[in-house]
Amino acid sequence: MTRQIRAVALISGGLDSMLAARLIQEQGVQVEGLNFYTGFCVEGHTHAIRRQERERPKRNNALWVAEQLGIPLHIVDVVEDYKDVVINPRHGYGQNMNPCLDCKGFMVARAREWMEANGFDFIITGEVIGQRPKSQLRRSMPIVARESGAGDRLLRPLCAQLLEPTLPEREGWVDRERLLDWSGRSRKPQMRLAERFGFRDYAQPAGGCCFLTDPSYSRKLKDLWAARGERRYELDDIMLLKVGRHLRPRNHFKLIIAREEGENRFLEGYRRCFTHLEPVSHAGPLCLLDGSADEDDLTLAARLVARFSRGRESPSVTVAVADAGGGGRRELSVSPMPADQVPRRWYIT
């Protein structure tokens, strides 16, 4: 009897990886999924916090994809190991702070390690030639295969007919003629194939799944590194960059001001880590102060918090200021800062 051929598929939660895995499943190959958690994932965080996201289904799209495919999904935490990819990308960044080529190589390398440790035969990704400007170019695809160590055990079913045959094709584990020859940025072929497979309610095909591709988030990360004088971060740092208004009125501190009740509740969890301010005479946002601040700085911060409170039109707002952990609590009576006195350069957006 011949041995069952097994493949591991990188499952991002998007449509491409779902289609790639299904194409290989159709050829009788046993497929299991891998999903890597870096801390920069878009889904499953702001969806659960912000009111404007409330109508969106609160699901992990990678788990949903695995359910549609009927395959196990192995979710691997790579937060610590991924730091070097973000901080020191060998191939540089994309348009924002996205190290896409290094990221793809990192994930395929991790998939190769998992494949070898678990007795699988090859790796599947949902890449399409020309779909992404950095990691999915014809010239960059061999770089990923080579630097990850996956070599020709890396199969890209959606564009395989435009590439050199891989080991799974040469060995007859999959039929090359049943693979595809897609290229370019159009998503219409994916949508047609999804309809044929009966896939509906999938994640937006062109939607980004990583905050590092977002211009606003990238500016906040750059600001964080500039303020610290070094390129480093912890998981809490990058989670906080996803939430609230970020203002830097002075070089030595910034404010993270909640925009709505969901963000207020999220920032509550960081009271022990930061000096924090909140209006007590009027309804208003919780604010974390990141950095060092003297009394003059705290007065300025209180005026800005009052600016975003329900008392913004009042002559005076009382703002409570507490040290990290809740100690040293006192109250400041301040006049809310008028909007036209808040320079645009203070906003980190």
Protein backbone atom coordinates (compact mmCIF):
# COMPACT_ATOMS: atom_id res chain seq x y z
CA MET A 1 0.00 0.00 0.00
CA THR A 2 1.23 3.52 -0.77
CA ARG A 3 1.64 5.97 2.09
CA GLN A 4 -0.84 8.84 2.48
CA ILE A 5 0.78 12.06 1.26
CA ARG A 6 0.40 14.90 3.75
CA ALA A 7 0.74 18.66 3.29
CA VAL A 8 0.73 21.56 5.73
CA ALA A 9 -1.00 24.74 4.54
CA LEU A 10 -0.27 28.24 5.79
CA ILE A 11 -3.75 29.50 6.73
CA SER A 12 -3.99 33.27 7.17
CA GLY A 13 -7.77 33.42 7.32
CA GLY A 14 -8.01 34.92 3.84
CA LEU A 15 -9.55 33.51 0.70
CA ASP A 16 -6.33 32.66 -1.15
CA SER A 17 -4.97 30.23 1.44
CA MET A 18 -8.39 28.58 1.73
CA LEU A 19 -8.59 28.01 -2.03
CA ALA A 20 -5.01 26.73 -2.23
CA ALA A 21 -5.65 24.18 0.50
CA ARG A 22 -8.91 23.02 -1.07
CA LEU A 23 -7.25 22.50 -4.47
CA ILE A 24 -4.76 20.13 -2.86
CA GLN A 25 -7.44 18.41 -0.79
CA GLU A 26 -9.28 17.68 -4.05
CA GLN A 27 -6.29 15.65 -5.18
CA GLY A 28 -6.55 13.28 -2.23
CA VAL A 29 -3.74 14.80 -0.16
CA GLN A 30 -4.25 15.02 3.61
CA VAL A 31 -4.01 18.70 4.58
CA GLU A 32 -3.57 20.33 7.98
CA GLY A 33 -3.28 24.07 8.64
CA LEU A 34 -0.76 26.30 10.37
CA ASN A 35 -1.47 29.82 11.60
CA PHE A 36 1.18 32.02 13.21
CA TYR A 37 0.29 34.61 15.85
CA THR A 38 2.69 37.58 15.65
CA GLY A 39 0.79 40.16 17.75
CA PHE A 40 0.20 42.33 14.68
CA CYS A 41 -2.89 40.47 13.48
CA VAL A 42 -5.87 42.71 12.68
CA GLU A 43 -8.73 40.34 13.37
CA GLY A 44 -9.93 39.34 16.79
CA HIS A 45 -8.81 42.52 18.58
CA THR A 46 -10.27 45.84 17.44
CA HIS A 47 -13.35 43.93 16.24
CA ALA A 48 -14.13 43.10 19.85
CA ILE A 49 -13.41 46.57 21.24
CA ARG A 50 -14.78 49.24 18.94
CA ARG A 51 -18.45 50.05 18.42
CA GLN A 52 -17.94 50.64 14.70
CA GLU A 53 -16.81 47.01 14.34
CA ARG A 54 -19.72 45.60 16.32
CA GLU A 55 -21.69 44.44 13.29
CA ARG A 56 -18.77 42.41 11.96
CA PRO A 57 -18.75 38.72 12.92
CA LYS A 58 -16.46 38.19 15.91
CA ARG A 59 -14.60 35.19 14.72
CA ASN A 60 -11.07 34.05 14.12
CA ASN A 61 -11.00 33.81 10.33
CA ALA A 62 -8.21 31.22 10.31
CA LEU A 63 -10.30 28.92 12.53
CA TRP A 64 -13.34 29.60 10.34
CA VAL A 65 -11.35 28.65 7.21
CA ALA A 66 -10.16 25.44 8.85
CA GLU A 67 -13.75 24.61 9.73
CA GLN A 68 -14.88 25.15 6.13
CA LEU A 69 -12.07 22.90 4.90
CA GLY A 70 -12.63 20.30 7.60
CA ILE A 71 -8.97 20.31 8.66
CA PRO A 72 -7.11 20.67 11.96
CA LEU A 73 -5.53 24.08 12.53
CA HIS A 74 -2.38 24.48 14.60
CA ILE A 75 -2.00 28.03 15.96
CA VAL A 76 1.59 28.85 16.88
CA ASP A 77 2.64 31.81 19.03
CA VAL A 78 5.73 33.41 17.42
CA VAL A 79 5.55 36.83 19.11
CA GLU A 80 9.09 36.71 20.52
CA ASP A 81 10.84 35.14 17.54
CA TYR A 82 9.03 37.46 15.13
CA LYS A 83 10.55 40.57 16.72
CA ASP A 84 13.75 40.25 14.70
CA VAL A 85 11.71 40.17 11.48
CA VAL A 86 10.05 43.49 12.36
CA ILE A 87 13.08 45.21 13.84
CA ASN A 88 15.80 44.01 11.43
CA PRO A 89 14.20 42.96 8.13
CA ARG A 90 16.94 41.71 5.83
CA HIS A 91 14.95 42.70 2.75
CA GLY A 92 13.59 45.95 4.15
CA TYR A 93 10.07 47.25 4.58
CA GLY A 94 7.22 47.70 2.15
CA GLN A 95 5.26 50.92 1.81
CA ASN A 96 4.78 51.09 5.58
CA MET A 97 6.44 49.04 8.36
CA ASN A 98 5.56 45.74 6.73
CA PRO A 99 8.57 43.42 6.29
CA CYS A 100 6.59 41.26 3.87
CA LEU A 101 9.39 39.34 2.18
CA ASP A 102 11.15 38.57 5.46
CA CYS A 103 7.78 37.72 7.01
CA LYS A 104 6.92 35.19 4.31
CA GLY A 105 10.36 33.62 4.58
CA PHE A 106 10.04 33.41 8.36
CA MET A 107 6.65 31.73 8.21
CA VAL A 108 7.62 29.26 5.52
CA ALA A 109 10.77 28.41 7.49
CA ARG A 110 8.64 27.73 10.57
CA ALA A 111 6.27 25.66 8.45
CA ARG A 112 9.24 23.65 7.15
CA GLU A 113 10.34 22.93 10.73
CA TRP A 114 6.81 21.84 11.62
CA MET A 115 6.56 19.72 8.47
CA GLU A 116 9.79 17.89 9.27
CA ALA A 117 8.93 17.40 12.94
CA ASN A 118 5.51 15.96 12.16
CA GLY A 119 6.27 13.79 9.15
CA PHE A 120 4.53 15.87 6.49
CA ASP A 121 5.69 15.98 2.88
CA PHE A 122 5.29 19.53 1.56
CA ILE A 123 4.03 23.06 2.25
CA ILE A 124 1.12 24.92 0.64
CA THR A 125 0.75 28.71 0.44
CA GLY A 126 -1.90 30.84 -1.23
CA GLU A 127 0.47 33.14 -3.10
CA VAL A 128 -0.34 34.54 -6.55
CA ILE A 129 2.34 36.06 -8.76
CA GLY A 130 2.07 39.85 -8.84
CA GLN A 131 -0.64 40.10 -6.20
CA ARG A 132 1.56 41.72 -3.55
CA PRO A 133 4.21 44.29 -4.50
CA LYS A 134 7.07 42.86 -2.43
CA SER A 135 6.64 39.23 -1.36
CA GLN A 136 4.67 37.87 -4.31
CA LEU A 137 6.77 38.92 -7.28
CA ARG A 138 8.17 36.29 -9.61
CA ARG A 139 11.71 37.29 -8.63
CA SER A 140 11.01 37.18 -4.88
CA MET A 141 9.32 33.77 -4.75
CA PRO A 142 12.59 31.82 -5.20
CA ILE A 143 14.10 33.89 -2.37
CA VAL A 144 11.43 32.67 0.03
CA ALA A 145 11.88 29.04 -1.05
CA ARG A 146 15.66 29.26 -0.71
CA GLU A 147 16.01 31.26 2.51
CA SER A 148 13.30 29.32 4.33
CA GLY A 149 14.99 26.02 3.53
CA ALA A 150 11.75 24.70 2.04
CA GLY A 151 13.20 24.54 -1.46
CA ASP A 152 11.01 22.67 -3.91
CA ARG A 153 8.79 21.30 -1.15
CA LEU A 154 7.02 24.66 -1.26
CA LEU A 155 3.98 24.49 -3.54
CA ARG A 156 1.90 27.50 -4.58
CA PRO A 157 -1.21 25.91 -6.12
CA LEU A 158 -2.80 29.15 -7.35
CA CYS A 159 0.10 30.04 -9.65
CA ALA A 160 2.05 26.76 -9.89
CA GLN A 161 1.72 26.46 -13.69
CA LEU A 162 3.68 29.71 -14.07
CA LEU A 163 6.56 28.39 -11.94
CA GLU A 164 9.04 25.55 -12.22
CA PRO A 165 7.62 22.16 -11.18
CA THR A 166 8.12 21.41 -7.50
CA LEU A 167 8.88 18.08 -5.83
CA PRO A 168 5.19 17.25 -5.17
CA GLU A 169 4.49 17.74 -8.89
CA ARG A 170 7.53 15.78 -10.12
CA GLU A 171 6.83 12.91 -7.74
CA GLY A 172 3.20 12.72 -8.82
CA TRP A 173 1.84 13.55 -5.38
CA VAL A 174 -0.26 16.20 -7.11
CA ASP A 175 -1.30 16.62 -10.73
CA ARG A 176 0.26 19.81 -12.10
CA GLU A 177 -2.49 20.08 -14.73
CA ARG A 178 -5.06 20.54 -11.97
CA LEU A 179 -3.16 23.47 -10.47
CA LEU A 180 -3.66 27.08 -11.60
CA ASP A 181 -1.85 29.82 -13.50
CA TRP A 182 -3.13 32.96 -11.81
CA SER A 183 -1.21 36.23 -11.78
CA GLY A 184 -1.97 39.88 -11.13
CA ARG A 185 -4.03 41.74 -8.56
CA SER A 186 -7.55 40.91 -9.74
CA ARG A 187 -9.59 38.91 -7.23
CA LYS A 188 -12.32 37.87 -9.65
CA PRO A 189 -10.81 34.39 -10.32
CA GLN A 190 -10.70 33.73 -6.57
CA MET A 191 -14.32 34.74 -6.17
CA ARG A 192 -15.41 32.50 -9.03
CA LEU A 193 -13.53 29.53 -7.61
CA ALA A 194 -14.93 30.21 -4.14
CA GLU A 195 -18.43 30.11 -5.63
CA ARG A 196 -17.66 26.77 -7.30
CA PHE A 197 -16.46 25.33 -4.01
CA GLY A 198 -19.47 26.74 -2.19
CA PHE A 199 -17.47 29.08 0.04
CA ARG A 200 -19.47 32.09 1.24
CA ASP A 201 -19.07 34.69 3.97
CA TYR A 202 -15.29 34.53 3.65
CA ALA A 203 -13.00 37.37 4.73
CA GLN A 204 -12.77 40.31 2.33
CA PRO A 205 -10.37 39.05 -0.36
CA ALA A 206 -8.35 42.25 -0.57
CA GLY A 207 -8.41 42.97 3.15
CA GLY A 208 -5.11 43.26 4.98
CA CYS A 209 -4.54 40.95 7.94
CA CYS A 210 -1.54 42.75 9.46
CA PHE A 211 -1.40 46.12 11.22
CA LEU A 212 2.11 46.71 9.87
CA THR A 213 0.59 47.45 6.46
CA ASP A 214 -1.52 50.25 7.97
CA PRO A 215 -0.01 53.77 7.56
CA SER A 216 -1.41 55.10 10.84
CA TYR A 217 -0.25 52.13 12.86
CA SER A 218 3.18 52.29 11.24
CA ARG A 219 3.59 55.93 12.21
CA LYS A 220 2.74 55.06 15.82
CA LEU A 221 5.33 52.30 15.84
CA LYS A 222 7.99 54.63 14.42
CA ASP A 223 7.08 57.22 17.05
CA LEU A 224 7.39 54.60 19.80
CA TRP A 225 10.89 53.68 18.67
CA ALA A 226 11.94 57.31 18.23
CA ALA A 227 10.76 58.19 21.75
CA ARG A 228 12.66 55.26 23.24
CA GLY A 229 15.77 55.88 21.21
CA GLU A 230 15.90 52.22 20.22
CA ARG A 231 13.98 49.71 18.13
CA ARG A 232 12.33 47.36 20.58
CA TYR A 233 8.82 46.44 21.68
CA GLU A 234 6.84 44.14 23.93
CA LEU A 235 3.45 42.63 23.21
CA ASP A 236 1.64 45.21 25.37
CA ASP A 237 3.30 48.01 23.38
CA ILE A 238 2.00 46.81 20.04
CA MET A 239 -1.45 46.05 21.44
CA LEU A 240 -1.76 49.61 22.78
CA LEU A 241 -0.80 51.03 19.38
CA LYS A 242 -4.08 49.58 18.08
CA VAL A 243 -6.29 51.48 20.51
CA GLY A 244 -7.26 55.11 21.14
CA ARG A 245 -6.06 58.53 19.99
CA HIS A 246 -2.30 58.86 20.33
CA LEU A 247 -1.03 62.40 20.92
CA ARG A 248 2.52 63.51 21.65
CA PRO A 249 2.28 67.12 22.90
CA ARG A 250 5.88 67.03 24.15
CA ASN A 251 8.81 64.84 23.22
CA HIS A 252 9.09 63.13 26.61
CA PHE A 253 5.53 61.82 26.88
CA LYS A 254 2.51 60.82 24.85
CA LEU A 255 -1.16 60.32 25.65
CA ILE A 256 -3.37 57.40 24.70
CA ILE A 257 -6.96 58.63 24.94
CA ALA A 258 -9.91 56.26 24.59
CA ARG A 259 -12.39 57.10 21.84
CA GLU A 260 -15.38 55.13 23.15
CA GLU A 261 -16.54 52.90 25.97
CA GLY A 262 -15.00 49.72 24.57
CA GLU A 263 -11.58 51.35 24.45
CA ASN A 264 -12.12 52.77 27.94
CA ARG A 265 -12.65 49.24 29.24
CA PHE A 266 -9.58 47.96 27.40
CA LEU A 267 -7.33 50.72 28.75
CA GLU A 268 -8.61 50.03 32.29
CA GLY A 269 -6.41 46.96 32.24
CA TYR A 270 -3.29 49.15 32.03
CA ARG A 271 -3.97 51.44 35.01
CA ARG A 272 -1.27 49.69 37.01
CA CYS A 273 1.33 50.30 34.31
CA PHE A 274 0.84 53.99 33.51
CA THR A 275 0.02 57.32 35.07
CA HIS A 276 -3.61 57.82 34.05
CA LEU A 277 -6.14 60.62 33.87
CA GLU A 278 -9.92 60.76 33.59
CA PRO A 279 -12.59 63.45 34.00
CA VAL A 280 -14.65 63.19 37.19
CA SER A 281 -16.92 66.24 36.83
CA HIS A 282 -18.10 65.18 33.37
CA ALA A 283 -18.28 61.95 31.40
CA GLY A 284 -15.14 61.41 29.39
CA PRO A 285 -12.32 59.15 28.33
CA LEU A 286 -9.65 57.34 30.27
CA CYS A 287 -6.17 58.46 29.24
CA LEU A 288 -2.83 56.70 29.75
CA LEU A 289 0.32 58.81 29.96
CA ASP A 290 3.35 57.05 28.49
CA GLY A 291 6.60 58.71 29.52
CA SER A 292 7.67 61.11 32.27
CA ALA A 293 5.70 64.23 33.16
CA ASP A 294 6.07 67.11 35.62
CA GLU A 295 3.20 69.18 37.00
CA ASP A 296 3.12 71.46 33.97
CA ASP A 297 2.94 68.42 31.69
CA LEU A 298 0.12 66.93 33.77
CA THR A 299 -1.86 70.15 33.54
CA LEU A 300 -1.47 70.13 29.77
CA ALA A 301 -2.50 66.47 29.66
CA ALA A 302 -5.55 67.19 31.83
CA ARG A 303 -6.63 70.01 29.53
CA LEU A 304 -6.39 67.68 26.54
CA VAL A 305 -8.41 64.99 28.31
CA ALA A 306 -11.01 67.64 29.18
CA ARG A 307 -11.08 68.59 25.51
CA PHE A 308 -12.37 65.12 24.65
CA SER A 309 -14.88 64.97 27.53
CA ARG A 310 -18.53 65.99 27.68
CA GLY A 311 -17.33 69.14 29.41
CA ARG A 312 -15.40 70.44 26.42
CA GLU A 313 -17.66 73.55 26.29
CA SER A 314 -17.56 74.14 30.05
CA PRO A 315 -15.29 76.75 31.61
CA SER A 316 -13.78 74.14 33.93
CA VAL A 317 -13.46 70.34 34.11
CA THR A 318 -12.14 68.37 37.06
CA VAL A 319 -9.70 65.66 35.97
CA ALA A 320 -8.37 62.98 38.31
CA VAL A 321 -4.70 62.09 37.94
CA ALA A 322 -3.31 58.90 39.44
CA ASP A 323 0.13 57.34 39.39
CA ALA A 324 0.69 53.85 38.00
CA GLY A 325 -1.03 51.38 40.28
CA GLY A 326 -3.57 53.96 41.42
CA GLY A 327 -1.42 55.68 44.05
CA GLY A 328 -0.91 59.42 44.43
CA ARG A 329 -4.38 60.27 43.18
CA ARG A 330 -5.25 63.98 43.03
CA GLU A 331 -7.63 66.21 41.11
CA LEU A 332 -6.91 69.12 38.78
CA SER A 333 -9.46 71.75 37.82
CA VAL A 334 -8.59 72.83 34.28
CA SER A 335 -10.08 74.67 31.32
CA PRO A 336 -10.55 72.36 28.33
CA MET A 337 -8.11 73.09 25.55
CA PRO A 338 -9.92 74.54 22.51
CA ALA A 339 -9.71 72.41 19.40
CA ASP A 340 -7.93 75.14 17.43
CA GLN A 341 -5.14 75.14 20.01
CA VAL A 342 -4.35 71.43 19.51
CA PRO A 343 -1.72 71.38 16.73
CA ARG A 344 -2.16 68.69 14.14
CA ARG A 345 1.45 67.61 14.65
CA TRP A 346 0.56 66.36 18.14
CA TYR A 347 -1.60 63.61 16.66
CA ILE A 348 0.32 60.46 15.80
CA THR A 349 -1.83 59.26 12.90
